[in-house]
PDB file of all heavy atoms in Angstrom:
ATOM      1  N   ILE A   1       1.043-103.640-196.772  1.00  0.00           N
ATOM      2  CA  ILE A   1       0.517-102.646-195.838  1.00  0.00           C
ATOM      3  C   ILE A   1       1.612-102.268-194.841  1.00  0.00           C
ATOM      4  O   ILE A   1       2.176-103.116-194.170  1.00  0.00           O
ATOM      5  CB  ILE A   1      -0.713-103.177-195.075  1.00  0.00           C
ATOM      6  CG1 ILE A   1      -1.823-103.553-196.053  1.00  0.00           C
ATOM      7  CG2 ILE A   1      -1.210-102.127-194.071  1.00  0.00           C
ATOM      8  CD1 ILE A   1      -2.966-104.337-195.429  1.00  0.00           C
ATOM      9  N   LEU A   2       1.904-100.983-194.789  1.00  0.00           N
ATOM     10  CA  LEU A   2       2.861-100.442-193.824  1.00  0.00           C
ATOM     11  C   LEU A   2       2.078 -99.626-192.807  1.00  0.00           C
ATOM     12  O   LEU A   2       1.275 -98.772-193.189  1.00  0.00           O
ATOM     13  CB  LEU A   2       3.878 -99.544-194.549  1.00  0.00           C
ATOM     14  CG  LEU A   2       4.758 -98.676-193.648  1.00  0.00           C
ATOM     15  CD1 LEU A   2       5.785 -99.540-192.928  1.00  0.00           C
ATOM     16  CD2 LEU A   2       5.438 -97.587-194.449  1.00  0.00           C
ATOM     17  N   ILE A   3       2.300 -99.898-191.525  1.00  0.00           N
ATOM     18  CA  ILE A   3       1.699 -99.089-190.452  1.00  0.00           C
ATOM     19  C   ILE A   3       2.811 -98.218-189.893  1.00  0.00           C
ATOM     20  O   ILE A   3       3.827 -98.722-189.435  1.00  0.00           O
ATOM     21  CB  ILE A   3       1.108 -99.965-189.325  1.00  0.00           C
ATOM     22  CG1 ILE A   3       0.156-101.031-189.870  1.00  0.00           C
ATOM     23  CG2 ILE A   3       0.449 -99.077-188.261  1.00  0.00           C
ATOM     24  CD1 ILE A   3      -1.149-100.538-190.397  1.00  0.00           C
ATOM     25  N   ARG A   4       2.621 -96.905-189.960  1.00  0.00           N
ATOM     26  CA  ARG A   4       3.652 -95.976-189.480  1.00  0.00           C
ATOM     27  C   ARG A   4       3.002 -94.921-188.593  1.00  0.00           C
ATOM     28  O   ARG A   4       1.788 -94.708-188.640  1.00  0.00           O
ATOM     29  CB  ARG A   4       4.370 -95.329-190.659  1.00  0.00           C
ATOM     30  CG  ARG A   4       3.458 -94.464-191.513  1.00  0.00           C
ATOM     31  CD  ARG A   4       4.246 -93.505-192.382  1.00  0.00           C
ATOM     32  NE  ARG A   4       3.405 -92.748-193.291  1.00  0.00           N
ATOM     33  CZ  ARG A   4       2.727 -91.650-192.984  1.00  0.00           C
ATOM     34  NH1 ARG A   4       2.758 -91.166-191.758  1.00  0.00           N
ATOM     35  NH2 ARG A   4       2.004 -91.019-193.889  1.00  0.00           N
ATOM     36  N   PRO A   5       3.818 -94.237-187.776  1.00  0.00           N
ATOM     37  CA  PRO A   5       3.253 -93.169-186.942  1.00  0.00           C
ATOM     38  C   PRO A   5       2.676 -92.038-187.799  1.00  0.00           C
ATOM     39  O   PRO A   5       3.191 -91.727-188.881  1.00  0.00           O
ATOM     40  CB  PRO A   5       4.458 -92.666-186.140  1.00  0.00           C
ATOM     41  CG  PRO A   5       5.440 -93.786-186.175  1.00  0.00           C
ATOM     42  CD  PRO A   5       5.239 -94.467-187.501  1.00  0.00           C
ATOM     43  N   TYR A   6       1.625 -91.448-187.292  1.00  0.00           N
ATOM     44  CA  TYR A   6       1.018 -90.271-187.906  1.00  0.00           C
ATOM     45  C   TYR A   6       2.037 -89.138-187.909  1.00  0.00           C
ATOM     46  O   TYR A   6       2.787 -88.964-186.949  1.00  0.00           O
ATOM     47  CB  TYR A   6      -0.215 -89.871-187.096  1.00  0.00           C
ATOM     48  CG  TYR A   6      -0.886 -88.604-187.559  1.00  0.00           C
ATOM     49  CD1 TYR A   6      -1.914 -88.648-188.488  1.00  0.00           C
ATOM     50  CD2 TYR A   6      -0.491 -87.366-187.065  1.00  0.00           C
ATOM     51  CE1 TYR A   6      -2.533 -87.488-188.918  1.00  0.00           C
ATOM     52  CE2 TYR A   6      -1.105 -86.200-187.487  1.00  0.00           C
ATOM     53  CZ  TYR A   6      -2.123 -86.270-188.419  1.00  0.00           C
ATOM     54  OH  TYR A   6      -2.725 -85.118-188.846  1.00  0.00           O
ATOM     55  N   ALA A   7       2.060 -88.367-188.979  1.00  0.00           N
ATOM     56  CA  ALA A   7       2.929 -87.190-189.093  1.00  0.00           C
ATOM     57  C   ALA A   7       2.061 -85.959-189.372  1.00  0.00           C
ATOM     58  O   ALA A   7       0.959 -86.091-189.912  1.00  0.00           O
ATOM     59  CB  ALA A   7       3.937 -87.394-190.225  1.00  0.00           C
ATOM     60  N   PRO A   8       2.546 -84.755-189.016  1.00  0.00           N
ATOM     61  CA  PRO A   8       1.731 -83.548-189.211  1.00  0.00           C
ATOM     62  C   PRO A   8       1.198 -83.382-190.635  1.00  0.00           C
ATOM     63  O   PRO A   8       0.088 -82.889-190.821  1.00  0.00           O
ATOM     64  CB  PRO A   8       2.688 -82.412-188.841  1.00  0.00           C
ATOM     65  CG  PRO A   8       3.616 -83.032-187.851  1.00  0.00           C
ATOM     66  CD  PRO A   8       3.808 -84.454-188.318  1.00  0.00           C
ATOM     67  N   GLY A   9       1.935 -83.830-191.621  1.00  0.00           N
ATOM     68  CA  GLY A   9       1.490 -83.693-193.007  1.00  0.00           C
ATOM     69  C   GLY A   9       0.380 -84.650-193.414  1.00  0.00           C
ATOM     70  O   GLY A   9      -0.093 -84.607-194.552  1.00  0.00           O
ATOM     71  N   ASP A  10      -0.064 -85.503-192.502  1.00  0.00           N
ATOM     72  CA  ASP A  10      -1.091 -86.500-192.812  1.00  0.00           C
ATOM     73  C   ASP A  10      -2.519 -86.006-192.598  1.00  0.00           C
ATOM     74  O   ASP A  10      -3.466 -86.737-192.866  1.00  0.00           O
ATOM     75  CB  ASP A  10      -0.886 -87.759-191.947  1.00  0.00           C
ATOM     76  CG  ASP A  10       0.372 -88.518-192.309  1.00  0.00           C
ATOM     77  OD1 ASP A  10       0.713 -88.594-193.506  1.00  0.00           O
ATOM     78  OD2 ASP A  10       1.018 -89.050-191.376  1.00  0.00           O
ATOM     79  N   ALA A  11      -2.693 -84.798-192.118  1.00  0.00           N
ATOM     80  CA  ALA A  11      -4.039 -84.320-191.761  1.00  0.00           C
ATOM     81  C   ALA A  11      -5.015 -84.408-192.928  1.00  0.00           C
ATOM     82  O   ALA A  11      -6.115 -84.953-192.783  1.00  0.00           O
ATOM     83  CB  ALA A  11      -3.980 -82.892-191.218  1.00  0.00           C
ATOM     84  N   ASP A  12      -4.644 -83.884-194.093  1.00  0.00           N
ATOM     85  CA  ASP A  12      -5.578 -83.887-195.221  1.00  0.00           C
ATOM     86  C   ASP A  12      -5.945 -85.299-195.654  1.00  0.00           C
ATOM     87  O   ASP A  12      -7.107 -85.583-195.954  1.00  0.00           O
ATOM     88  CB  ASP A  12      -5.008 -83.100-196.399  1.00  0.00           C
ATOM     89  CG  ASP A  12      -5.020 -81.595-196.149  1.00  0.00           C
ATOM     90  OD1 ASP A  12      -5.740 -81.131-195.245  1.00  0.00           O
ATOM     91  OD2 ASP A  12      -4.297 -80.881-196.869  1.00  0.00           O
ATOM     92  N   ALA A  13      -4.964 -86.200-195.665  1.00  0.00           N
ATOM     93  CA  ALA A  13      -5.246 -87.586-196.055  1.00  0.00           C
ATOM     94  C   ALA A  13      -6.210 -88.244-195.067  1.00  0.00           C
ATOM     95  O   ALA A  13      -7.137 -88.955-195.474  1.00  0.00           O
ATOM     96  CB  ALA A  13      -3.951 -88.393-196.151  1.00  0.00           C
ATOM     97  N   THR A  14      -6.014 -87.995-193.762  1.00  0.00           N
ATOM     98  CA  THR A  14      -6.905 -88.627-192.778  1.00  0.00           C
ATOM     99  C   THR A  14      -8.314 -88.038-192.858  1.00  0.00           C
ATOM    100  O   THR A  14      -9.289 -88.773-192.708  1.00  0.00           O
ATOM    101  CB  THR A  14      -6.349 -88.524-191.342  1.00  0.00           C
ATOM    102  OG1 THR A  14      -6.126 -87.160-191.000  1.00  0.00           O
ATOM    103  CG2 THR A  14      -5.064 -89.316-191.192  1.00  0.00           C
ATOM    104  N   ILE A  15      -8.420 -86.754-193.120  1.00  0.00           N
ATOM    105  CA  ILE A  15      -9.746 -86.149-193.285  1.00  0.00           C
ATOM    106  C   ILE A  15     -10.456 -86.773-194.485  1.00  0.00           C
ATOM    107  O   ILE A  15     -11.635 -87.133-194.401  1.00  0.00           O
ATOM    108  CB  ILE A  15      -9.641 -84.612-193.418  1.00  0.00           C
ATOM    109  CG1 ILE A  15      -9.243 -84.009-192.067  1.00  0.00           C
ATOM    110  CG2 ILE A  15     -10.951 -84.017-193.924  1.00  0.00           C
ATOM    111  CD1 ILE A  15      -8.865 -82.533-192.130  1.00  0.00           C
ATOM    112  N   GLU A  16      -9.749 -86.921-195.589  1.00  0.00           N
ATOM    113  CA  GLU A  16     -10.357 -87.524-196.786  1.00  0.00           C
ATOM    114  C   GLU A  16     -10.810 -88.958-196.497  1.00  0.00           C
ATOM    115  O   GLU A  16     -11.911 -89.365-196.869  1.00  0.00           O
ATOM    116  CB  GLU A  16      -9.376 -87.516-197.952  1.00  0.00           C
ATOM    117  CG  GLU A  16      -9.976 -88.152-199.198  1.00  0.00           C
ATOM    118  CD  GLU A  16      -8.971 -88.445-200.291  1.00  0.00           C
ATOM    119  OE1 GLU A  16      -7.799 -88.054-200.183  1.00  0.00           O
ATOM    120  OE2 GLU A  16      -9.386 -89.101-201.265  1.00  0.00           O
ATOM    121  N   ILE A  17      -9.969 -89.737-195.824  1.00  0.00           N
ATOM    122  CA  ILE A  17     -10.326 -91.121-195.495  1.00  0.00           C
ATOM    123  C   ILE A  17     -11.564 -91.142-194.604  1.00  0.00           C
ATOM    124  O   ILE A  17     -12.508 -91.906-194.849  1.00  0.00           O
ATOM    125  CB  ILE A  17      -9.137 -91.846-194.820  1.00  0.00           C
ATOM    126  CG1 ILE A  17      -7.995 -92.024-195.829  1.00  0.00           C
ATOM    127  CG2 ILE A  17      -9.580 -93.184-194.228  1.00  0.00           C
ATOM    128  CD1 ILE A  17      -6.658 -92.400-195.197  1.00  0.00           C
ATOM    129  N   PHE A  18     -11.577 -90.321-193.575  1.00  0.00           N
ATOM    130  CA  PHE A  18     -12.710 -90.218-192.646  1.00  0.00           C
ATOM    131  C   PHE A  18     -14.008 -89.916-193.398  1.00  0.00           C
ATOM    132  O   PHE A  18     -15.011 -90.630-193.261  1.00  0.00           O
ATOM    133  CB  PHE A  18     -12.393 -89.123-191.619  1.00  0.00           C
ATOM    134  CG  PHE A  18     -13.527 -88.700-190.741  1.00  0.00           C
ATOM    135  CD1 PHE A  18     -13.961 -89.504-189.698  1.00  0.00           C
ATOM    136  CD2 PHE A  18     -14.140 -87.467-190.925  1.00  0.00           C
ATOM    137  CE1 PHE A  18     -14.999 -89.102-188.863  1.00  0.00           C
ATOM    138  CE2 PHE A  18     -15.182 -87.052-190.094  1.00  0.00           C
ATOM    139  CZ  PHE A  18     -15.615 -87.874-189.061  1.00  0.00           C
ATOM    140  N   LEU A  19     -14.001 -88.866-194.212  1.00  0.00           N
ATOM    141  CA  LEU A  19     -15.207 -88.442-194.912  1.00  0.00           C
ATOM    142  C   LEU A  19     -15.683 -89.493-195.907  1.00  0.00           C
ATOM    143  O   LEU A  19     -16.880 -89.806-195.974  1.00  0.00           O
ATOM    144  CB  LEU A  19     -14.964 -87.102-195.613  1.00  0.00           C
ATOM    145  CG  LEU A  19     -14.698 -85.917-194.683  1.00  0.00           C
ATOM    146  CD1 LEU A  19     -14.359 -84.675-195.490  1.00  0.00           C
ATOM    147  CD2 LEU A  19     -15.871 -85.664-193.738  1.00  0.00           C
ATOM    148  N   ARG A  20     -14.763 -90.062-196.676  1.00  0.00           N
ATOM    149  CA  ARG A  20     -15.158 -91.068-197.671  1.00  0.00           C
ATOM    150  C   ARG A  20     -15.666 -92.339-197.008  1.00  0.00           C
ATOM    151  O   ARG A  20     -16.631 -92.944-197.477  1.00  0.00           O
ATOM    152  CB  ARG A  20     -13.996 -91.376-198.606  1.00  0.00           C
ATOM    153  CG  ARG A  20     -13.729 -90.222-199.580  1.00  0.00           C
ATOM    154  CD  ARG A  20     -12.843 -90.629-200.724  1.00  0.00           C
ATOM    155  NE  ARG A  20     -13.405 -91.768-201.444  1.00  0.00           N
ATOM    156  CZ  ARG A  20     -12.675 -92.738-201.994  1.00  0.00           C
ATOM    157  NH1 ARG A  20     -11.352 -92.703-201.932  1.00  0.00           N
ATOM    158  NH2 ARG A  20     -13.246 -93.731-202.627  1.00  0.00           N
ATOM    159  N   ALA A  21     -15.028 -92.776-195.922  1.00  0.00           N
ATOM    160  CA  ALA A  21     -15.475 -94.001-195.254  1.00  0.00           C
ATOM    161  C   ALA A  21     -16.905 -93.840-194.738  1.00  0.00           C
ATOM    162  O   ALA A  21     -17.736 -94.750-194.879  1.00  0.00           O
ATOM    163  CB  ALA A  21     -14.526 -94.363-194.122  1.00  0.00           C
ATOM    164  N   ILE A  22     -17.204 -92.696-194.165  1.00  0.00           N
ATOM    165  CA  ILE A  22     -18.562 -92.475-193.659  1.00  0.00           C
ATOM    166  C   ILE A  22     -19.550 -92.375-194.817  1.00  0.00           C
ATOM    167  O   ILE A  22     -20.587 -93.046-194.825  1.00  0.00           O
ATOM    168  CB  ILE A  22     -18.627 -91.213-192.780  1.00  0.00           C
ATOM    169  CG1 ILE A  22     -17.803 -91.433-191.515  1.00  0.00           C
ATOM    170  CG2 ILE A  22     -20.076 -90.870-192.429  1.00  0.00           C
ATOM    171  CD1 ILE A  22     -17.539 -90.177-190.726  1.00  0.00           C
ATOM    172  N   ARG A  23     -19.231 -91.562-195.812  1.00  0.00           N
ATOM    173  CA  ARG A  23     -20.173 -91.322-196.911  1.00  0.00           C
ATOM    174  C   ARG A  23     -20.381 -92.536-197.800  1.00  0.00           C
ATOM    175  O   ARG A  23     -21.474 -92.735-198.347  1.00  0.00           O
ATOM    176  CB  ARG A  23     -19.698 -90.134-197.745  1.00  0.00           C
ATOM    177  CG  ARG A  23     -19.820 -88.822-196.996  1.00  0.00           C
ATOM    178  CD  ARG A  23     -19.256 -87.664-197.780  1.00  0.00           C
ATOM    179  NE  ARG A  23     -19.393 -86.427-197.020  1.00  0.00           N
ATOM    180  CZ  ARG A  23     -18.582 -85.385-197.148  1.00  0.00           C
ATOM    181  NH1 ARG A  23     -17.592 -85.408-198.023  1.00  0.00           N
ATOM    182  NH2 ARG A  23     -18.767 -84.311-196.412  1.00  0.00           N
ATOM    183  N   GLU A  24     -19.332 -93.344-197.972  1.00  0.00           N
ATOM    184  CA  GLU A  24     -19.425 -94.457-198.924  1.00  0.00           C
ATOM    185  C   GLU A  24     -19.618 -95.820-198.277  1.00  0.00           C
ATOM    186  O   GLU A  24     -20.077 -96.744-198.952  1.00  0.00           O
ATOM    187  CB  GLU A  24     -18.175 -94.478-199.811  1.00  0.00           C
ATOM    188  CG  GLU A  24     -18.028 -93.206-200.640  1.00  0.00           C
ATOM    189  CD  GLU A  24     -16.732 -93.155-201.419  1.00  0.00           C
ATOM    190  OE1 GLU A  24     -16.288 -94.195-201.936  1.00  0.00           O
ATOM    191  OE2 GLU A  24     -16.145 -92.050-201.502  1.00  0.00           O
ATOM    192  N   VAL A  25     -19.256 -95.977-197.009  1.00  0.00           N
ATOM    193  CA  VAL A  25     -19.371 -97.284-196.355  1.00  0.00           C
ATOM    194  C   VAL A  25     -20.451 -97.253-195.279  1.00  0.00           C
ATOM    195  O   VAL A  25     -21.365 -98.077-195.286  1.00  0.00           O
ATOM    196  CB  VAL A  25     -18.006 -97.742-195.778  1.00  0.00           C
ATOM    197  CG1 VAL A  25     -18.138 -99.105-195.116  1.00  0.00           C
ATOM    198  CG2 VAL A  25     -16.948 -97.787-196.878  1.00  0.00           C
ATOM    199  N   SER A  26     -20.370 -96.307-194.362  1.00  0.00           N
ATOM    200  CA  SER A  26     -21.353 -96.248-193.276  1.00  0.00           C
ATOM    201  C   SER A  26     -22.732 -95.837-193.774  1.00  0.00           C
ATOM    202  O   SER A  26     -23.724 -96.033-193.071  1.00  0.00           O
ATOM    203  CB  SER A  26     -20.887 -95.289-192.182  1.00  0.00           C
ATOM    204  OG  SER A  26     -19.719 -95.796-191.575  1.00  0.00           O
ATOM    205  N   SER A  27     -22.810 -95.324-194.976  1.00  0.00           N
ATOM    206  CA  SER A  27     -24.095 -94.887-195.523  1.00  0.00           C
ATOM    207  C   SER A  27     -25.075 -96.045-195.671  1.00  0.00           C
ATOM    208  O   SER A  27     -26.279 -95.817-195.770  1.00  0.00           O
ATOM    209  CB  SER A  27     -23.890 -94.180-196.865  1.00  0.00           C
ATOM    210  OG  SER A  27     -23.248 -95.045-197.778  1.00  0.00           O
ATOM    211  N   LYS A  28     -24.588 -97.287-195.661  1.00  0.00           N
ATOM    212  CA  LYS A  28     -25.513 -98.423-195.726  1.00  0.00           C
ATOM    213  C   LYS A  28     -26.195 -98.683-194.377  1.00  0.00           C
ATOM    214  O   LYS A  28     -27.185 -99.402-194.321  1.00  0.00           O
ATOM    215  CB  LYS A  28     -24.804 -99.671-196.238  1.00  0.00           C
ATOM    216  CG  LYS A  28     -23.807-100.279-195.289  1.00  0.00           C
ATOM    217  CD  LYS A  28     -23.128-101.495-195.933  1.00  0.00           C
ATOM    218  CE  LYS A  28     -22.272-102.290-194.983  1.00  0.00           C
ATOM    219  NZ  LYS A  28     -21.178-101.586-194.363  1.00  0.00           N
ATOM    220  N   ASP A  29     -25.659 -98.102-193.296  1.00  0.00           N
ATOM    221  CA  ASP A  29     -26.177 -98.348-191.959  1.00  0.00           C
ATOM    222  C   ASP A  29     -26.860 -97.143-191.313  1.00  0.00           C
ATOM    223  O   ASP A  29     -27.414 -97.275-190.218  1.00  0.00           O
ATOM    224  CB  ASP A  29     -25.041 -98.810-191.041  1.00  0.00           C
ATOM    225  CG  ASP A  29     -24.455-100.135-191.491  1.00  0.00           C
ATOM    226  OD1 ASP A  29     -25.235-101.074-191.716  1.00  0.00           O
ATOM    227  OD2 ASP A  29     -23.223-100.223-191.636  1.00  0.00           O
ATOM    228  N   TYR A  30     -26.786 -95.991-191.947  1.00  0.00           N
ATOM    229  CA  TYR A  30     -27.362 -94.767-191.386  1.00  0.00           C
ATOM    230  C   TYR A  30     -28.127 -94.018-192.474  1.00  0.00           C
ATOM    231  O   TYR A  30     -27.840 -94.164-193.661  1.00  0.00           O
ATOM    232  CB  TYR A  30     -26.266 -93.868-190.810  1.00  0.00           C
ATOM    233  CG  TYR A  30     -25.572 -94.473-189.595  1.00  0.00           C
ATOM    234  CD1 TYR A  30     -24.437 -95.257-189.737  1.00  0.00           C
ATOM    235  CD2 TYR A  30     -26.070 -94.255-188.309  1.00  0.00           C
ATOM    236  CE1 TYR A  30     -23.802 -95.821-188.627  1.00  0.00           C
ATOM    237  CE2 TYR A  30     -25.454 -94.816-187.194  1.00  0.00           C
ATOM    238  CZ  TYR A  30     -24.318 -95.598-187.361  1.00  0.00           C
ATOM    239  OH  TYR A  30     -23.707 -96.159-186.273  1.00  0.00           O
ATOM    240  N   LEU A  31     -29.062 -93.190-192.055  1.00  0.00           N
ATOM    241  CA  LEU A  31     -29.865 -92.393-192.987  1.00  0.00           C
ATOM    242  C   LEU A  31     -29.037 -91.262-193.601  1.00  0.00           C
ATOM    243  O   LEU A  31     -28.071 -90.795-192.988  1.00  0.00           O
ATOM    244  CB  LEU A  31     -31.068 -91.794-192.255  1.00  0.00           C
ATOM    245  CG  LEU A  31     -32.055 -92.803-191.657  1.00  0.00           C
ATOM    246  CD1 LEU A  31     -33.078 -92.082-190.782  1.00  0.00           C
ATOM    247  CD2 LEU A  31     -32.729 -93.590-192.770  1.00  0.00           C
ATOM    248  N   PRO A  32     -29.411 -90.786-194.782  1.00  0.00           N
ATOM    249  CA  PRO A  32     -28.653 -89.700-195.426  1.00  0.00           C
ATOM    250  C   PRO A  32     -28.449 -88.469-194.535  1.00  0.00           C
ATOM    251  O   PRO A  32     -27.362 -87.903-194.504  1.00  0.00           O
ATOM    252  CB  PRO A  32     -29.483 -89.362-196.673  1.00  0.00           C
ATOM    253  CG  PRO A  32     -30.173 -90.653-197.005  1.00  0.00           C
ATOM    254  CD  PRO A  32     -30.472 -91.297-195.669  1.00  0.00           C
ATOM    255  N   ALA A  33     -29.467 -88.068-193.786  1.00  0.00           N
ATOM    256  CA  ALA A  33     -29.321 -86.890-192.908  1.00  0.00           C
ATOM    257  C   ALA A  33     -28.314 -87.167-191.794  1.00  0.00           C
ATOM    258  O   ALA A  33     -27.563 -86.273-191.385  1.00  0.00           O
ATOM    259  CB  ALA A  33     -30.669 -86.490-192.322  1.00  0.00           C
ATOM    260  N   GLN A  34     -28.284 -88.393-191.305  1.00  0.00           N
ATOM    261  CA  GLN A  34     -27.308 -88.760-190.272  1.00  0.00           C
ATOM    262  C   GLN A  34     -25.893 -88.732-190.838  1.00  0.00           C
ATOM    263  O   GLN A  34     -24.965 -88.237-190.182  1.00  0.00           O
ATOM    264  CB  GLN A  34     -27.631 -90.154-189.709  1.00  0.00           C
ATOM    265  CG  GLN A  34     -28.925 -90.203-188.929  1.00  0.00           C
ATOM    266  CD  GLN A  34     -29.313 -91.629-188.577  1.00  0.00           C
ATOM    267  OE1 GLN A  34     -29.270 -92.526-189.413  1.00  0.00           O
ATOM    268  NE2 GLN A  34     -29.698 -91.828-187.327  1.00  0.00           N
ATOM    269  N   ILE A  35     -25.723 -89.256-192.032  1.00  0.00           N
ATOM    270  CA  ILE A  35     -24.403 -89.259-192.685  1.00  0.00           C
ATOM    271  C   ILE A  35     -23.932 -87.826-192.899  1.00  0.00           C
ATOM    272  O   ILE A  35     -22.777 -87.486-192.628  1.00  0.00           O
ATOM    273  CB  ILE A  35     -24.451 -90.038-194.025  1.00  0.00           C
ATOM    274  CG1 ILE A  35     -24.708 -91.530-193.759  1.00  0.00           C
ATOM    275  CG2 ILE A  35     -23.190 -89.822-194.846  1.00  0.00           C
ATOM    276  CD1 ILE A  35     -23.627 -92.255-192.990  1.00  0.00           C
ATOM    277  N   GLU A  36     -24.816 -86.979-193.374  1.00  0.00           N
ATOM    278  CA  GLU A  36     -24.454 -85.579-193.610  1.00  0.00           C
ATOM    279  C   GLU A  36     -24.018 -84.898-192.321  1.00  0.00           C
ATOM    280  O   GLU A  36     -23.054 -84.128-192.299  1.00  0.00           O
ATOM    281  CB  GLU A  36     -25.628 -84.834-194.250  1.00  0.00           C
ATOM    282  CG  GLU A  36     -25.340 -83.391-194.587  1.00  0.00           C
ATOM    283  CD  GLU A  36     -24.151 -83.185-195.516  1.00  0.00           C
ATOM    284  OE1 GLU A  36     -23.893 -84.038-196.387  1.00  0.00           O
ATOM    285  OE2 GLU A  36     -23.460 -82.146-195.363  1.00  0.00           O
ATOM    286  N   ALA A  37     -24.703 -85.181-191.221  1.00  0.00           N
ATOM    287  CA  ALA A  37     -24.354 -84.582-189.931  1.00  0.00           C
ATOM    288  C   ALA A  37     -23.017 -85.109-189.408  1.00  0.00           C
ATOM    289  O   ALA A  37     -22.235 -84.365-188.808  1.00  0.00           O
ATOM    290  CB  ALA A  37     -25.460 -84.854-188.914  1.00  0.00           C
ATOM    291  N   TRP A  38     -22.735 -86.378-189.636  1.00  0.00           N
ATOM    292  CA  TRP A  38     -21.531 -87.037-189.119  1.00  0.00           C
ATOM    293  C   TRP A  38     -20.305 -86.711-189.974  1.00  0.00           C
ATOM    294  O   TRP A  38     -19.230 -86.421-189.457  1.00  0.00           O
ATOM    295  CB  TRP A  38     -21.797 -88.537-189.083  1.00  0.00           C
ATOM    296  CG  TRP A  38     -20.725 -89.422-188.554  1.00  0.00           C
ATOM    297  CD1 TRP A  38     -19.592 -89.071-187.864  1.00  0.00           C
ATOM    298  CD2 TRP A  38     -20.684 -90.842-188.667  1.00  0.00           C
ATOM    299  NE1 TRP A  38     -18.861 -90.193-187.549  1.00  0.00           N
ATOM    300  CE2 TRP A  38     -19.519 -91.299-188.033  1.00  0.00           C
ATOM    301  CE3 TRP A  38     -21.529 -91.786-189.256  1.00  0.00           C
ATOM    302  CZ2 TRP A  38     -19.174 -92.646-187.965  1.00  0.00           C
ATOM    303  CZ3 TRP A  38     -21.195 -93.123-189.180  1.00  0.00           C
ATOM    304  CH2 TRP A  38     -20.028 -93.544-188.539  1.00  0.00           C
ATOM    305  N   ALA A  39     -20.469 -86.725-191.281  1.00  0.00           N
ATOM    306  CA  ALA A  39     -19.331 -86.604-192.197  1.00  0.00           C
ATOM    307  C   ALA A  39     -18.978 -85.139-192.429  1.00  0.00           C
ATOM    308  O   ALA A  39     -19.167 -84.599-193.521  1.00  0.00           O
ATOM    309  CB  ALA A  39     -19.634 -87.311-193.520  1.00  0.00           C
ATOM    310  N   GLN A  40     -18.458 -84.506-191.392  1.00  0.00           N
ATOM    311  CA  GLN A  40     -18.016 -83.117-191.496  1.00  0.00           C
ATOM    312  C   GLN A  40     -16.787 -82.912-190.622  1.00  0.00           C
ATOM    313  O   GLN A  40     -16.697 -83.484-189.537  1.00  0.00           O
ATOM    314  CB  GLN A  40     -19.112 -82.162-191.026  1.00  0.00           C
ATOM    315  CG  GLN A  40     -20.321 -82.116-191.924  1.00  0.00           C
ATOM    316  CD  GLN A  40     -21.274 -81.012-191.510  1.00  0.00           C
ATOM    317  OE1 GLN A  40     -20.863 -79.926-191.104  1.00  0.00           O
ATOM    318  NE2 GLN A  40     -22.564 -81.285-191.610  1.00  0.00           N
ATOM    319  N   VAL A  41     -15.873 -82.113-191.124  1.00  0.00           N
ATOM    320  CA  VAL A  41     -14.721 -81.668-190.336  1.00  0.00           C
ATOM    321  C   VAL A  41     -14.741 -80.148-190.422  1.00  0.00           C
ATOM    322  O   VAL A  41     -14.414 -79.580-191.461  1.00  0.00           O
ATOM    323  CB  VAL A  41     -13.390 -82.248-190.871  1.00  0.00           C
ATOM    324  CG1 VAL A  41     -12.208 -81.676-190.097  1.00  0.00           C
ATOM    325  CG2 VAL A  41     -13.408 -83.770-190.800  1.00  0.00           C
ATOM    326  N   GLU A  42     -15.169 -79.500-189.354  1.00  0.00           N
ATOM    327  CA  GLU A  42     -15.335 -78.051-189.371  1.00  0.00           C
ATOM    328  C   GLU A  42     -14.024 -77.310-189.141  1.00  0.00           C
ATOM    329  O   GLU A  42     -13.846 -76.212-189.636  1.00  0.00           O
ATOM    330  CB  GLU A  42     -16.367 -77.637-188.331  1.00  0.00           C
ATOM    331  CG  GLU A  42     -17.762 -78.127-188.685  1.00  0.00           C
ATOM    332  CD  GLU A  42     -18.761 -77.966-187.568  1.00  0.00           C
ATOM    333  OE1 GLU A  42     -18.344 -77.776-186.407  1.00  0.00           O
ATOM    334  OE2 GLU A  42     -19.959 -78.036-187.858  1.00  0.00           O
ATOM    335  N   ASP A  43     -13.109 -77.911-188.386  1.00  0.00           N
ATOM    336  CA  ASP A  43     -11.867 -77.233-188.028  1.00  0.00           C
ATOM    337  C   ASP A  43     -10.674 -78.152-188.309  1.00  0.00           C
ATOM    338  O   ASP A  43     -10.349 -79.024-187.517  1.00  0.00           O
ATOM    339  CB  ASP A  43     -11.919 -76.833-186.547  1.00  0.00           C
ATOM    340  CG  ASP A  43     -10.737 -75.974-186.122  1.00  0.00           C
ATOM    341  OD1 ASP A  43      -9.654 -76.056-186.747  1.00  0.00           O
ATOM    342  OD2 ASP A  43     -10.890 -75.222-185.137  1.00  0.00           O
ATOM    343  N   ARG A  44     -10.050 -77.945-189.463  1.00  0.00           N
ATOM    344  CA  ARG A  44      -8.932 -78.802-189.880  1.00  0.00           C
ATOM    345  C   ARG A  44      -7.742 -78.687-188.918  1.00  0.00           C
ATOM    346  O   ARG A  44      -7.038 -79.658-188.687  1.00  0.00           O
ATOM    347  CB  ARG A  44      -8.498 -78.444-191.306  1.00  0.00           C
ATOM    348  CG  ARG A  44      -9.586 -78.693-192.321  1.00  0.00           C
ATOM    349  CD  ARG A  44      -9.236 -78.143-193.697  1.00  0.00           C
ATOM    350  NE  ARG A  44      -8.544 -79.106-194.525  1.00  0.00           N
ATOM    351  CZ  ARG A  44      -9.127 -80.084-195.190  1.00  0.00           C
ATOM    352  NH1 ARG A  44     -10.428 -80.254-195.109  1.00  0.00           N
ATOM    353  NH2 ARG A  44      -8.421 -80.899-195.949  1.00  0.00           N
TER     354      ARG A  44
END
């Protein structure tokens, strides 16, 4: 595991990680409608 500073080209990767983590991991702790409301990035 390498921890490095965020770079401008990392936006798409971080959005994908954010959305997948909520939809696939947090979904065990929240209702489907809550996950749908949370797992959105409207302005990249």
